[in-house]
């Protein structure tokens, strides 16, 4: 029996529901599976007792409020907790979670019966951190969906706990579960005023203690390359191979500034996909850097590569469609570190060492922070996200729920 009776059953139910997002949909939410899942989450919040639970027509977010149980004349800040309902694009149908109880911290874990896929300590040394824990893994055929259904389960369990324990005094607690985080557009239509929080947290991080308020600045670049296809028998001096131009373009970018060769605050260019024929080719990159000026320099450098190639042809054969995706939320949060300090204090009160470092990625909090609601990120427990080697610790999920509750308690102690 876990500390929170419904936490793990909730989580297992959620991950068995397929909710991948689709960047080509153009809809909000981007997939019907998310629409249906949102309806189920709304229903569950109503059953918990959050009577204003609703689905925003604008953003697709499931929103609700646990009202303050303080005396009428006591006013404290409203605190919000946000996670996302979608999972990454890796196979997500038929998720079959496996339990590894009292893990010894040193053995490899077979995911499938044949032993084709394994969580090995050599490849995943983070397993050593979980001696004595109960781990939830995949069966090797799908992702798990702990990113971020762990966060959803933890937030729901925390508010349900508060409803069941009215002796715990608190101000308004806001819940927001959004779509399409994995495709980078989940928070685009988020309505800060409608949400109604004074400070907020995404519960979307990884291992125990993660507390993140610094993310990448991010952009996406779609490169369209126009070749000229003719019969190879008469191609000399005429044929222009778009595939070769794509290869040339990539070779002109800094070859060591890629994800597999960078760490910490080092930025990168990342080639996501290539699709081409002799006549035309398409490449998709993401551009990342924590430093805003370096981020702008990266975008300018890529545009310069296209200009150089086009100058050689005397015509625009390489066209770049570039758009910013999100920015480093540190620019907003460092102006008032209260929201970070509260989370840090909550963890320390629970004997959890805060692990504060720059995220090599982004969260919905990146965009929401720039909308006027500073929103750092809390750990939710997921490890090895987005693929078959994903796992989560039951004990870490319990502690994440503890942190949510402790933040609520700390915020309720400070009057406006």
Protein backbone atom coordinates (compact mmCIF):
# COMPACT_ATOMS: atom_id res chain seq x y z
CA UNK A 1 0.00 0.00 0.00
CA UNK A 2 1.44 3.37 -1.02
CA UNK A 3 1.20 6.53 1.05
CA UNK A 4 -1.47 7.90 -1.29
CA UNK A 5 -3.89 5.06 -2.02
CA UNK A 6 -5.11 6.35 -5.39
CA UNK A 7 -1.82 7.73 -6.77
CA UNK A 8 -0.54 4.67 -8.60
CA UNK A 9 -3.95 3.32 -9.74
CA UNK A 10 -4.61 6.79 -11.16
CA UNK A 11 -1.28 6.81 -12.95
CA UNK A 12 -1.75 3.32 -14.41
CA UNK A 13 -5.20 4.24 -15.68
CA UNK A 14 -3.84 7.38 -17.32
CA UNK A 15 -0.89 5.75 -19.10
CA UNK A 16 -3.13 3.05 -20.54
CA UNK A 17 -5.04 5.79 -22.36
CA UNK A 18 -3.31 6.76 -25.61
CA UNK A 19 -2.97 10.56 -25.91
CA UNK A 20 -0.21 11.34 -28.39
CA UNK A 21 -0.22 14.82 -29.90
CA UNK A 22 0.10 15.51 -33.64
CA UNK A 23 2.09 18.49 -34.90
CA UNK A 24 0.42 18.29 -38.32
CA UNK A 25 -3.14 18.48 -37.03
CA UNK A 26 -3.67 22.22 -36.76
CA UNK A 27 -6.37 21.59 -34.13
CA UNK A 28 -6.49 22.38 -30.40
CA UNK A 29 -6.13 19.84 -28.90
CA UNK A 30 -4.31 18.29 -31.83
CA UNK A 31 -5.81 14.80 -31.42
CA UNK A 32 -9.24 13.41 -30.56
CA UNK A 33 -7.71 11.09 -27.98
CA UNK A 34 -6.69 14.15 -25.97
CA UNK A 35 -10.19 15.58 -26.29
CA UNK A 36 -11.68 12.40 -24.84
CA UNK A 37 -9.05 12.18 -22.11
CA UNK A 38 -9.77 15.78 -21.12
CA UNK A 39 -13.43 14.87 -20.65
CA UNK A 40 -12.42 12.03 -18.34
CA UNK A 41 -10.14 14.30 -16.33
CA UNK A 42 -12.90 16.88 -15.95
CA UNK A 43 -15.26 14.17 -14.73
CA UNK A 44 -12.68 12.98 -12.21
CA UNK A 45 -12.13 16.48 -10.84
CA UNK A 46 -15.87 16.89 -10.35
CA UNK A 47 -15.94 13.56 -8.50
CA UNK A 48 -13.07 14.74 -6.29
CA UNK A 49 -15.15 17.77 -5.40
CA UNK A 50 -13.83 20.60 -7.59
CA UNK A 51 -17.23 21.81 -8.74
CA UNK A 52 -16.00 24.39 -11.26
CA UNK A 53 -14.05 21.83 -13.33
CA UNK A 54 -14.27 22.74 -17.01
CA UNK A 55 -12.54 22.43 -20.36
CA UNK A 56 -11.43 25.68 -21.95
CA UNK A 57 -12.78 25.96 -25.49
CA UNK A 58 -9.91 28.28 -26.34
CA UNK A 59 -6.92 26.31 -25.05
CA UNK A 60 -8.17 22.76 -24.50
CA UNK A 61 -6.95 22.93 -20.89
CA UNK A 62 -8.82 21.14 -18.14
CA UNK A 63 -9.19 23.80 -15.44
CA UNK A 64 -10.49 23.69 -11.88
CA UNK A 65 -10.22 25.38 -8.49
CA UNK A 66 -10.08 23.94 -5.01
CA UNK A 67 -11.51 26.90 -3.05
CA UNK A 68 -9.77 28.33 -0.02
CA UNK A 69 -10.86 26.93 3.34
CA UNK A 70 -9.38 29.85 5.29
CA UNK A 71 -11.46 32.36 7.20
CA UNK A 72 -13.17 34.86 4.92
CA UNK A 73 -11.00 37.77 6.01
CA UNK A 74 -7.73 35.90 5.35
CA UNK A 75 -6.44 36.48 1.84
CA UNK A 76 -3.49 34.53 0.46
CA UNK A 77 -2.09 34.01 -2.99
CA UNK A 78 -3.73 31.44 -5.27
CA UNK A 79 -1.23 28.77 -6.28
CA UNK A 80 -1.53 26.79 -9.51
CA UNK A 81 -0.19 23.43 -10.63
CA UNK A 82 0.05 22.56 -14.32
CA UNK A 83 0.91 19.40 -16.25
CA UNK A 84 0.20 18.06 -19.72
CA UNK A 85 -1.95 15.22 -20.95
CA UNK A 86 -0.20 14.37 -24.21
CA UNK A 87 2.71 12.02 -24.74
CA UNK A 88 5.52 11.99 -27.28
CA UNK A 89 5.19 10.45 -30.72
CA UNK A 90 6.87 7.13 -29.85
CA UNK A 91 4.54 4.11 -29.90
CA UNK A 92 1.95 4.67 -27.17
CA UNK A 93 -0.90 2.25 -27.86
CA UNK A 94 -1.28 -0.73 -25.57
CA UNK A 95 0.95 0.56 -22.77
CA UNK A 96 1.52 -2.35 -20.38
CA UNK A 97 3.27 -1.11 -17.23
CA UNK A 98 5.55 -3.51 -15.37
CA UNK A 99 6.40 -3.32 -11.65
CA UNK A 100 9.88 -4.00 -10.28
CA UNK A 101 9.52 -4.11 -6.51
CA UNK A 102 12.39 -3.42 -4.10
CA UNK A 103 14.86 -2.85 -6.93
CA UNK A 104 18.41 -3.68 -5.83
CA UNK A 105 20.05 -0.74 -7.61
CA UNK A 106 22.51 -2.83 -9.60
CA UNK A 107 20.69 -5.43 -11.71
CA UNK A 108 19.67 -5.03 -15.32
CA UNK A 109 15.91 -5.13 -15.92
CA UNK A 110 14.39 -7.16 -18.73
CA UNK A 111 11.48 -5.24 -20.21
CA UNK A 112 10.13 -7.95 -22.51
CA UNK A 113 9.92 -11.71 -22.03
CA UNK A 114 12.54 -12.39 -24.70
CA UNK A 115 15.06 -10.03 -23.14
CA UNK A 116 15.43 -8.05 -26.36
CA UNK A 117 15.05 -4.75 -24.56
CA UNK A 118 16.75 -4.13 -21.23
CA UNK A 119 17.27 -1.31 -18.79
CA UNK A 120 20.97 -1.82 -18.13
CA UNK A 121 22.92 -0.08 -15.41
CA UNK A 122 25.76 0.44 -17.90
CA UNK A 123 23.57 2.42 -20.30
CA UNK A 124 21.34 3.97 -17.64
CA UNK A 125 23.48 4.53 -14.52
CA UNK A 126 20.64 6.57 -13.02
CA UNK A 127 19.15 3.20 -12.03
CA UNK A 128 21.64 3.16 -9.15
CA UNK A 129 19.67 5.96 -7.51
CA UNK A 130 16.65 3.72 -6.97
CA UNK A 131 17.85 0.99 -4.63
CA UNK A 132 14.91 -0.20 -2.54
CA UNK A 133 12.35 1.58 -4.72
CA UNK A 134 9.45 0.14 -6.66
CA UNK A 135 9.96 1.00 -10.33
CA UNK A 136 7.30 1.14 -13.02
CA UNK A 137 8.68 0.35 -16.49
CA UNK A 138 7.35 -0.42 -19.95
CA UNK A 139 7.18 -3.89 -21.47
CA UNK A 140 9.63 -2.77 -24.16
CA UNK A 141 7.05 -2.20 -26.89
CA UNK A 142 5.86 1.33 -26.02
CA UNK A 143 6.78 4.40 -24.06
CA UNK A 144 5.39 4.63 -20.52
CA UNK A 145 3.82 8.09 -20.54
CA UNK A 146 5.24 9.17 -17.20
CA UNK A 147 5.99 12.39 -19.06
CA UNK A 148 3.67 13.82 -17.96
CA UNK A 149 0.95 11.57 -16.63
CA UNK A 150 3.01 11.29 -13.46
CA UNK A 151 2.43 15.01 -13.03
CA UNK A 152 -1.30 14.70 -13.71
CA UNK A 153 -1.64 11.88 -11.18
CA UNK A 154 0.37 13.76 -8.56
CA UNK A 155 -1.64 16.97 -8.89
CA UNK A 156 -4.98 15.14 -8.80
CA UNK A 157 -3.88 13.07 -5.82
CA UNK A 158 -2.75 16.18 -3.95
CA UNK A 159 -6.04 18.05 -4.40
CA UNK A 160 -8.01 14.91 -3.54
CA UNK A 161 -5.94 14.64 -0.36
CA UNK A 162 -6.74 18.26 0.54
CA UNK A 163 -10.45 17.63 0.00
CA UNK A 164 -10.26 14.55 2.25
CA UNK A 165 -8.27 16.45 4.91
CA UNK A 166 -10.01 19.79 5.52
CA UNK A 167 -7.87 20.28 8.62
CA UNK A 168 -5.08 21.29 6.23
CA UNK A 169 -5.66 25.01 5.71
CA UNK A 170 -5.04 26.45 2.26
CA UNK A 171 -5.91 29.24 -0.10
CA UNK A 172 -7.28 28.73 -3.60
CA UNK A 173 -5.51 25.92 -5.44
CA UNK A 174 -5.70 26.03 -9.24
CA UNK A 175 -5.37 22.98 -11.49
CA UNK A 176 -4.48 23.12 -15.19
CA UNK A 177 -3.94 20.08 -17.41
CA UNK A 178 -3.05 21.04 -20.96
CA UNK A 179 -2.73 19.41 -24.38
CA UNK A 180 0.05 19.40 -26.94
CA UNK A 181 3.06 20.22 -24.79
CA UNK A 182 5.16 17.66 -26.65
CA UNK A 183 4.69 19.47 -29.96
CA UNK A 184 5.51 22.85 -28.44
CA UNK A 185 2.14 24.58 -28.80
CA UNK A 186 0.31 23.50 -25.65
CA UNK A 187 0.54 26.83 -23.86
CA UNK A 188 0.04 29.06 -26.91
CA UNK A 189 -3.64 29.64 -26.06
CA UNK A 190 -3.31 29.42 -22.27
CA UNK A 191 -5.31 32.17 -20.55
CA UNK A 192 -3.46 33.37 -17.43
CA UNK A 193 -6.38 35.53 -16.26
CA UNK A 194 -8.84 32.66 -16.63
CA UNK A 195 -6.50 30.34 -14.73
CA UNK A 196 -6.48 32.79 -11.84
CA UNK A 197 -3.25 31.87 -10.06
CA UNK A 198 -0.82 34.34 -8.49
CA UNK A 199 2.09 31.90 -8.74
CA UNK A 200 2.29 28.54 -10.46
CA UNK A 201 4.38 25.47 -11.16
CA UNK A 202 4.51 22.93 -13.92
CA UNK A 203 4.86 19.43 -12.47
CA UNK A 204 6.71 18.05 -15.47
CA UNK A 205 10.30 17.42 -14.41
CA UNK A 206 12.39 14.30 -14.01
CA UNK A 207 14.19 12.80 -11.00
CA UNK A 208 13.77 13.61 -7.33
CA UNK A 209 14.56 17.20 -6.40
CA UNK A 210 14.52 18.80 -9.83
CA UNK A 211 13.58 22.47 -9.61
CA UNK A 212 14.02 24.30 -12.87
CA UNK A 213 13.56 27.93 -13.78
CA UNK A 214 16.05 28.26 -16.64
CA UNK A 215 15.24 26.82 -20.05
CA UNK A 216 16.50 27.08 -23.59
CA UNK A 217 15.50 29.80 -26.00
CA UNK A 218 14.04 27.82 -28.87
CA UNK A 219 13.29 28.16 -32.56
CA UNK A 220 12.37 25.84 -35.41
CA UNK A 221 13.66 26.22 -38.95
CA UNK A 222 12.11 24.53 -41.97
CA UNK A 223 14.49 24.56 -44.94
CA UNK A 224 12.95 24.08 -48.37
CA UNK A 225 15.45 23.34 -51.15
CA UNK A 226 14.57 23.53 -54.83
CA UNK A 227 16.66 21.40 -57.15
CA UNK A 228 16.42 20.89 -60.90
CA UNK A 229 15.79 17.37 -62.12
CA UNK A 230 16.59 16.28 -65.65
CA UNK A 231 17.42 12.91 -67.17
CA UNK A 232 20.91 11.87 -65.96
CA UNK A 233 21.91 11.16 -69.56
CA UNK A 234 21.76 14.88 -70.35
CA UNK A 235 22.37 16.22 -66.85
CA UNK A 236 25.79 17.77 -67.20
CA UNK A 237 25.72 21.46 -66.35
CA UNK A 238 21.96 21.39 -65.84
CA UNK A 239 20.92 19.01 -63.05
CA UNK A 240 20.87 20.39 -59.50
CA UNK A 241 20.41 17.69 -56.87
CA UNK A 242 18.32 18.97 -53.96
CA UNK A 243 19.45 16.07 -51.78
CA UNK A 244 23.08 17.06 -52.22
CA UNK A 245 22.25 20.67 -51.44
CA UNK A 246 20.62 19.50 -48.22
CA UNK A 247 23.79 17.63 -47.30
CA UNK A 248 25.88 20.67 -48.16
CA UNK A 249 23.68 22.93 -46.03
CA UNK A 250 24.08 20.68 -42.99
CA UNK A 251 27.85 20.46 -43.51
CA UNK A 252 28.14 24.26 -43.33
CA UNK A 253 26.66 24.35 -39.81
CA UNK A 254 29.05 23.93 -36.85
CA UNK A 255 29.52 20.16 -36.67
CA UNK A 256 30.27 20.04 -32.94
CA UNK A 257 27.27 22.16 -31.98
CA UNK A 258 24.76 19.33 -31.98
CA UNK A 259 22.89 17.66 -29.08
CA UNK A 260 25.10 14.58 -29.02
CA UNK A 261 28.23 16.73 -28.49
CA UNK A 262 26.96 19.40 -26.09
CA UNK A 263 25.88 19.69 -22.46
CA UNK A 264 25.01 22.19 -19.74
CA UNK A 265 24.44 25.65 -21.19
CA UNK A 266 25.94 24.78 -24.58
CA UNK A 267 23.48 25.41 -27.40
CA UNK A 268 23.02 23.48 -30.61
CA UNK A 269 21.48 22.96 -34.03
CA UNK A 270 19.52 19.70 -34.26
CA UNK A 271 18.45 18.18 -37.57
CA UNK A 272 15.06 16.61 -36.83
CA UNK A 273 14.09 15.28 -40.25
CA UNK A 274 15.09 15.14 -43.91
CA UNK A 275 12.82 14.33 -46.81
CA UNK A 276 13.95 14.73 -50.36
CA UNK A 277 14.19 13.89 -54.04
CA UNK A 278 16.51 15.23 -56.69
CA UNK A 279 13.95 17.91 -57.49
CA UNK A 280 13.21 19.14 -53.98
CA UNK A 281 14.12 18.51 -50.38
CA UNK A 282 12.92 19.57 -46.97
CA UNK A 283 14.86 19.69 -43.70
CA UNK A 284 13.59 20.55 -40.22
CA UNK A 285 15.92 21.86 -37.53
CA UNK A 286 15.48 23.04 -33.99
CA UNK A 287 17.82 25.71 -32.64
CA UNK A 288 18.52 25.99 -28.92
CA UNK A 289 20.58 28.20 -26.60
CA UNK A 290 20.19 29.45 -23.02
CA UNK A 291 21.85 32.79 -23.78
CA UNK A 292 19.50 35.05 -25.74
CA UNK A 293 22.22 36.80 -27.76
CA UNK A 294 23.83 33.48 -28.70
CA UNK A 295 20.36 32.25 -29.67
CA UNK A 296 19.90 35.21 -32.01
CA UNK A 297 23.41 34.66 -33.40
CA UNK A 298 22.59 31.03 -34.16
CA UNK A 299 19.51 31.99 -36.13
CA UNK A 300 21.47 34.65 -38.00
CA UNK A 301 24.25 32.17 -38.80
CA UNK A 302 21.79 29.67 -40.28
CA UNK A 303 20.20 32.36 -42.43
CA UNK A 304 23.70 33.33 -43.56
CA UNK A 305 24.40 29.78 -44.73
CA UNK A 306 21.31 29.93 -46.94
CA UNK A 307 22.31 33.35 -48.28
CA UNK A 308 25.78 32.06 -49.17
CA UNK A 309 24.41 29.05 -51.04
CA UNK A 310 21.84 31.14 -52.88
CA UNK A 311 24.51 33.63 -53.90
CA UNK A 312 26.46 30.83 -55.55
CA UNK A 313 23.43 29.93 -57.69
CA UNK A 314 22.34 33.49 -58.32
CA UNK A 315 18.81 32.54 -57.25
CA UNK A 316 16.99 31.51 -54.07
CA UNK A 317 17.13 27.73 -54.04
CA UNK A 318 17.39 27.47 -50.24
CA UNK A 319 14.43 29.02 -48.43
CA UNK A 320 14.23 29.11 -44.62
CA UNK A 321 10.97 29.46 -42.70
CA UNK A 322 12.08 30.16 -39.13
CA UNK A 323 9.89 30.75 -36.09
CA UNK A 324 10.64 31.19 -32.39
CA UNK A 325 9.01 28.59 -30.14
CA UNK A 326 9.72 29.72 -26.58
CA UNK A 327 12.22 31.70 -24.53
CA UNK A 328 14.32 31.20 -21.41
CA UNK A 329 11.90 31.79 -18.53
CA UNK A 330 14.78 32.83 -16.28
CA UNK A 331 14.48 36.30 -17.82
CA UNK A 332 11.10 36.62 -16.11
CA UNK A 333 11.52 34.58 -12.93
CA UNK A 334 14.83 36.04 -11.76
CA UNK A 335 13.11 39.42 -11.34
CA UNK A 336 11.24 37.95 -8.35
CA UNK A 337 12.53 34.62 -7.05
CA UNK A 338 9.66 34.11 -4.58
CA UNK A 339 8.10 31.30 -6.60
CA UNK A 340 11.44 29.44 -6.71
CA UNK A 341 12.21 30.07 -3.06
CA UNK A 342 8.84 28.66 -1.97
CA UNK A 343 9.46 25.44 -3.89
CA UNK A 344 13.00 25.22 -2.57
CA UNK A 345 11.76 25.64 1.01
CA UNK A 346 9.06 23.02 0.46
CA UNK A 347 11.64 20.47 -0.66
CA UNK A 348 14.00 21.27 2.19
CA UNK A 349 11.13 20.93 4.69
CA UNK A 350 10.66 17.40 3.33
CA UNK A 351 14.40 16.58 3.47
CA UNK A 352 14.61 16.62 -0.34
CA UNK A 353 17.73 18.29 -1.73
CA UNK A 354 16.70 20.77 -4.46
CA UNK A 355 18.53 20.10 -7.72
CA UNK A 356 18.53 23.42 -9.55
CA UNK A 357 20.15 23.52 -12.99
CA UNK A 358 19.42 24.81 -16.51
CA UNK A 359 16.97 22.66 -18.44
CA UNK A 360 18.17 21.47 -21.82
CA UNK A 361 14.64 21.81 -23.10
CA UNK A 362 11.50 23.73 -22.28
CA UNK A 363 8.20 23.40 -20.51
CA UNK A 364 4.80 25.01 -20.87
CA UNK A 365 6.03 27.20 -18.02
CA UNK A 366 8.48 28.80 -20.45
CA UNK A 367 5.64 30.42 -22.37
CA UNK A 368 3.34 30.94 -19.39
CA UNK A 369 6.08 32.83 -17.55
CA UNK A 370 6.28 35.32 -20.43
CA UNK A 371 2.48 35.68 -20.26
CA UNK A 372 2.89 37.20 -16.80
CA UNK A 373 2.65 34.16 -14.53
CA UNK A 374 6.12 32.99 -13.36
CA UNK A 375 6.00 29.21 -13.60
CA UNK A 376 9.08 27.13 -12.75
CA UNK A 377 9.14 23.36 -13.10
CA UNK A 378 8.98 20.70 -10.36
CA UNK A 379 10.10 17.09 -10.55
CA UNK A 380 7.43 14.51 -11.39
CA UNK A 381 9.66 11.43 -11.50
CA UNK A 382 9.98 10.38 -15.13
CA UNK A 383 13.33 9.01 -16.31
CA UNK A 384 14.44 8.20 -19.89
CA UNK A 385 11.42 10.00 -21.30
CA UNK A 386 9.83 9.52 -24.71
CA UNK A 387 10.78 5.93 -25.50
CA UNK A 388 10.66 2.28 -24.45
CA UNK A 389 13.26 2.73 -21.70
CA UNK A 390 11.12 5.19 -19.73
CA UNK A 391 10.51 4.40 -16.08
CA UNK A 392 9.38 6.06 -12.86
CA UNK A 393 9.80 5.37 -9.15
CA UNK A 394 6.67 5.01 -7.03
CA UNK A 395 8.50 6.60 -4.12
CA UNK A 396 9.51 9.62 -6.21
CA UNK A 397 5.91 10.11 -7.32
CA UNK A 398 4.84 10.06 -3.68
CA UNK A 399 7.46 12.66 -2.81
CA UNK A 400 6.37 14.84 -5.74
CA UNK A 401 2.85 14.76 -4.30
CA UNK A 402 4.31 15.68 -0.91
CA UNK A 403 6.01 18.71 -2.48
CA UNK A 404 2.77 19.93 -4.08
CA UNK A 405 1.03 19.72 -0.69
CA UNK A 406 3.92 21.41 1.11
CA UNK A 407 3.91 24.30 -1.37
CA UNK A 408 0.19 24.74 -0.79
CA UNK A 409 0.80 24.88 2.98
CA UNK A 410 3.66 27.39 2.66
CA UNK A 411 1.68 29.70 0.36
CA UNK A 412 -1.27 29.62 2.78
CA UNK A 413 0.95 30.94 5.57
CA UNK A 414 1.69 34.20 3.77
CA UNK A 415 -1.17 36.71 3.70
CA UNK A 416 -1.49 39.08 0.77
